[in-house]
Amino acid sequence: MMWKGRFQQGEFVPLGVACTDANGAPVAPDLAPAVNVYGPTGTKLLSVAAIPTMDRFGTTGLFAWGLFLNETYPAGHYTAAYDYDSGAGAFEGGDLDCFEVVPGGDPKGSLISMYWFLQPQAGHVIQELDSGRLTSGNNPYL
């Protein structure tokens, strides 16, 4: 089990697993690992059937994925449970990650770029958030 840390809504939690065999040696699983995310009450909030490989040709059995914390993840402690098979189903592996969502942040994401331009009727701002959303505003409601 690994403690990932504390995060706020609008951030990405780096989730990942290093697949190993019964001896603890790195192994390429039969299929990409699955991950289930459980909330503070133990209910399953998310299930991802296959997380992507992180370094396909450099590191054997390393898989990683970023979980975006939106409105589905209020403040509390969360657990990510990984599951994988290797050796044609001869070994069933798994791992756990834990993290905490603390109050604060914006569930829409963090601001990563902004452009201001002036038009005759008002000043305008276009913002890009790390969630991929574009927002805009104009005077006096920027």
Protein backbone atom coordinates (compact mmCIF):
# COMPACT_ATOMS: atom_id res chain seq x y z
CA MET A 1 0.00 0.00 0.00
CA MET A 2 1.24 3.46 -0.85
CA TRP A 3 0.12 6.85 0.50
CA LYS A 4 -0.21 9.24 -2.45
CA GLY A 5 -0.79 12.39 -0.42
CA ARG A 6 -3.39 15.13 -0.09
CA PHE A 7 -5.14 16.72 -3.06
CA GLN A 8 -7.89 19.26 -3.73
CA GLN A 9 -10.72 19.11 -6.24
CA GLY A 10 -9.49 20.13 -9.67
CA GLU A 11 -6.17 18.29 -9.32
CA PHE A 12 -4.96 14.99 -10.78
CA VAL A 13 -4.00 12.09 -8.49
CA PRO A 14 -1.15 10.02 -10.00
CA LEU A 15 -2.28 6.40 -9.71
CA GLY A 16 -0.04 3.56 -10.77
CA VAL A 17 1.05 0.00 -10.17
CA ALA A 18 4.23 -1.99 -10.78
CA CYS A 19 3.17 -5.54 -11.66
CA THR A 20 5.23 -8.29 -10.07
CA ASP A 21 5.16 -12.08 -9.94
CA ALA A 22 5.01 -14.28 -6.83
CA ASN A 23 8.75 -13.65 -6.21
CA GLY A 24 8.39 -9.85 -6.45
CA ALA A 25 10.15 -9.63 -9.84
CA PRO A 26 8.70 -7.24 -12.46
CA VAL A 27 6.40 -9.00 -14.90
CA ALA A 28 4.27 -8.06 -17.89
CA PRO A 29 0.67 -8.96 -16.96
CA ASP A 30 -1.62 -10.95 -19.25
CA LEU A 31 -3.86 -7.86 -19.63
CA ALA A 32 -3.51 -4.27 -18.48
CA PRO A 33 -4.34 -3.91 -14.77
CA ALA A 34 -7.78 -2.79 -13.66
CA VAL A 35 -8.33 -0.20 -10.93
CA ASN A 36 -11.33 0.45 -8.69
CA VAL A 37 -11.59 3.65 -6.64
CA TYR A 38 -13.49 3.47 -3.35
CA GLY A 39 -14.82 6.48 -1.43
CA PRO A 40 -14.75 7.33 2.27
CA THR A 41 -17.80 5.12 2.95
CA GLY A 42 -16.38 2.15 1.05
CA THR A 43 -18.62 2.53 -2.00
CA LYS A 44 -17.09 2.01 -5.44
CA LEU A 45 -16.96 5.36 -7.25
CA LEU A 46 -15.02 4.41 -10.37
CA SER A 47 -13.93 1.28 -12.20
CA VAL A 48 -11.35 1.41 -15.01
CA ALA A 49 -10.94 -1.88 -16.87
CA ALA A 50 -7.44 -1.20 -18.20
CA ILE A 51 -4.97 1.50 -17.19
CA PRO A 52 -2.27 2.39 -19.75
CA THR A 53 1.35 1.34 -19.62
CA MET A 54 3.80 4.01 -18.53
CA ASP A 55 7.08 2.92 -20.12
CA ARG A 56 6.30 0.09 -22.54
CA PHE A 57 9.81 -0.56 -23.81
CA GLY A 58 11.84 0.61 -20.82
CA THR A 59 10.25 -0.75 -17.64
CA THR A 60 8.44 -4.07 -17.47
CA GLY A 61 5.01 -4.06 -15.85
CA LEU A 62 4.73 -0.35 -14.99
CA PHE A 63 1.28 1.17 -15.47
CA ALA A 64 0.08 4.68 -14.56
CA TRP A 65 -2.96 6.89 -14.91
CA GLY A 66 -4.09 10.30 -13.62
CA LEU A 67 -7.43 10.50 -11.76
CA PHE A 68 -9.05 13.93 -12.13
CA LEU A 69 -10.81 15.00 -8.93
CA ASN A 70 -14.16 16.54 -9.88
CA GLU A 71 -17.41 16.93 -7.92
CA THR A 72 -17.62 13.14 -7.49
CA TYR A 73 -14.79 13.31 -4.94
CA PRO A 74 -15.70 15.39 -1.86
CA ALA A 75 -13.34 15.74 1.08
CA GLY A 76 -12.35 12.40 2.61
CA HIS A 77 -10.03 9.38 2.35
CA TYR A 78 -10.03 7.27 -0.83
CA THR A 79 -8.55 3.91 -1.83
CA ALA A 80 -7.52 2.73 -5.30
CA ALA A 81 -7.35 -1.06 -5.64
CA TYR A 82 -5.42 -2.59 -8.56
CA ASP A 83 -5.91 -6.09 -9.94
CA TYR A 84 -3.90 -8.00 -12.57
CA ASP A 85 -3.08 -11.54 -13.68
CA SER A 86 0.22 -12.86 -15.01
CA GLY A 87 1.61 -16.15 -16.26
CA ALA A 88 -1.56 -17.07 -18.18
CA GLY A 89 -3.60 -16.63 -15.01
CA ALA A 90 -1.16 -18.57 -12.78
CA PHE A 91 -0.60 -15.53 -10.51
CA GLU A 92 -3.19 -12.97 -9.39
CA GLY A 93 -1.61 -9.73 -8.23
CA GLY A 94 -2.90 -6.56 -6.70
CA ASP A 95 -1.93 -3.42 -4.87
CA LEU A 96 -3.53 -0.49 -3.03
CA ASP A 97 -3.01 3.27 -3.14
CA CYS A 98 -4.58 5.67 -0.64
CA PHE A 99 -5.05 9.41 -0.88
CA GLU A 100 -7.01 12.16 0.80
CA VAL A 101 -9.10 14.90 -0.76
CA VAL A 102 -9.00 18.04 1.40
CA PRO A 103 -11.42 20.98 1.22
CA GLY A 104 -10.65 23.68 -1.32
CA GLY A 105 -9.76 23.79 -4.98
CA ASP A 106 -12.08 24.07 -7.95
CA PRO A 107 -13.74 20.93 -9.37
CA LYS A 108 -13.50 22.43 -12.87
CA GLY A 109 -9.69 22.38 -12.71
CA SER A 110 -6.77 24.76 -12.32
CA LEU A 111 -6.13 27.69 -14.61
CA ILE A 112 -3.23 26.98 -16.97
CA SER A 113 -3.52 29.79 -19.52
CA MET A 114 -5.39 33.05 -19.95
CA TYR A 115 -5.77 35.62 -22.72
CA TRP A 116 -7.22 39.11 -22.31
CA PHE A 117 -8.40 41.19 -25.24
CA LEU A 118 -10.20 44.52 -25.49
CA GLN A 119 -13.26 45.04 -27.66
CA PRO A 120 -15.28 48.29 -28.02
CA GLN A 121 -18.10 46.98 -25.81
CA ALA A 122 -15.94 45.44 -23.02
CA GLY A 123 -12.73 43.69 -22.03
CA HIS A 124 -12.81 39.91 -22.44
CA VAL A 125 -10.88 37.06 -20.86
CA ILE A 126 -10.61 33.49 -22.17
CA GLN A 127 -9.19 30.91 -19.76
CA GLU A 128 -8.11 27.32 -20.27
CA LEU A 129 -8.33 24.91 -17.35
CA ASP A 130 -6.23 21.77 -16.95
CA SER A 131 -9.44 19.72 -17.23
CA GLY A 132 -9.63 20.85 -20.88
CA ARG A 133 -12.48 23.33 -20.34
CA LEU A 134 -12.47 26.81 -21.81
CA THR A 135 -14.18 29.58 -19.86
CA SER A 136 -14.76 33.18 -20.75
CA GLY A 137 -15.92 36.35 -19.08
CA ASN A 138 -16.22 40.05 -19.69
CA ASN A 139 -16.41 43.26 -17.67
CA PRO A 140 -17.60 43.76 -15.06
CA TYR A 141 -17.98 40.01 -14.33
CA LEU A 142 -14.48 38.67 -14.94
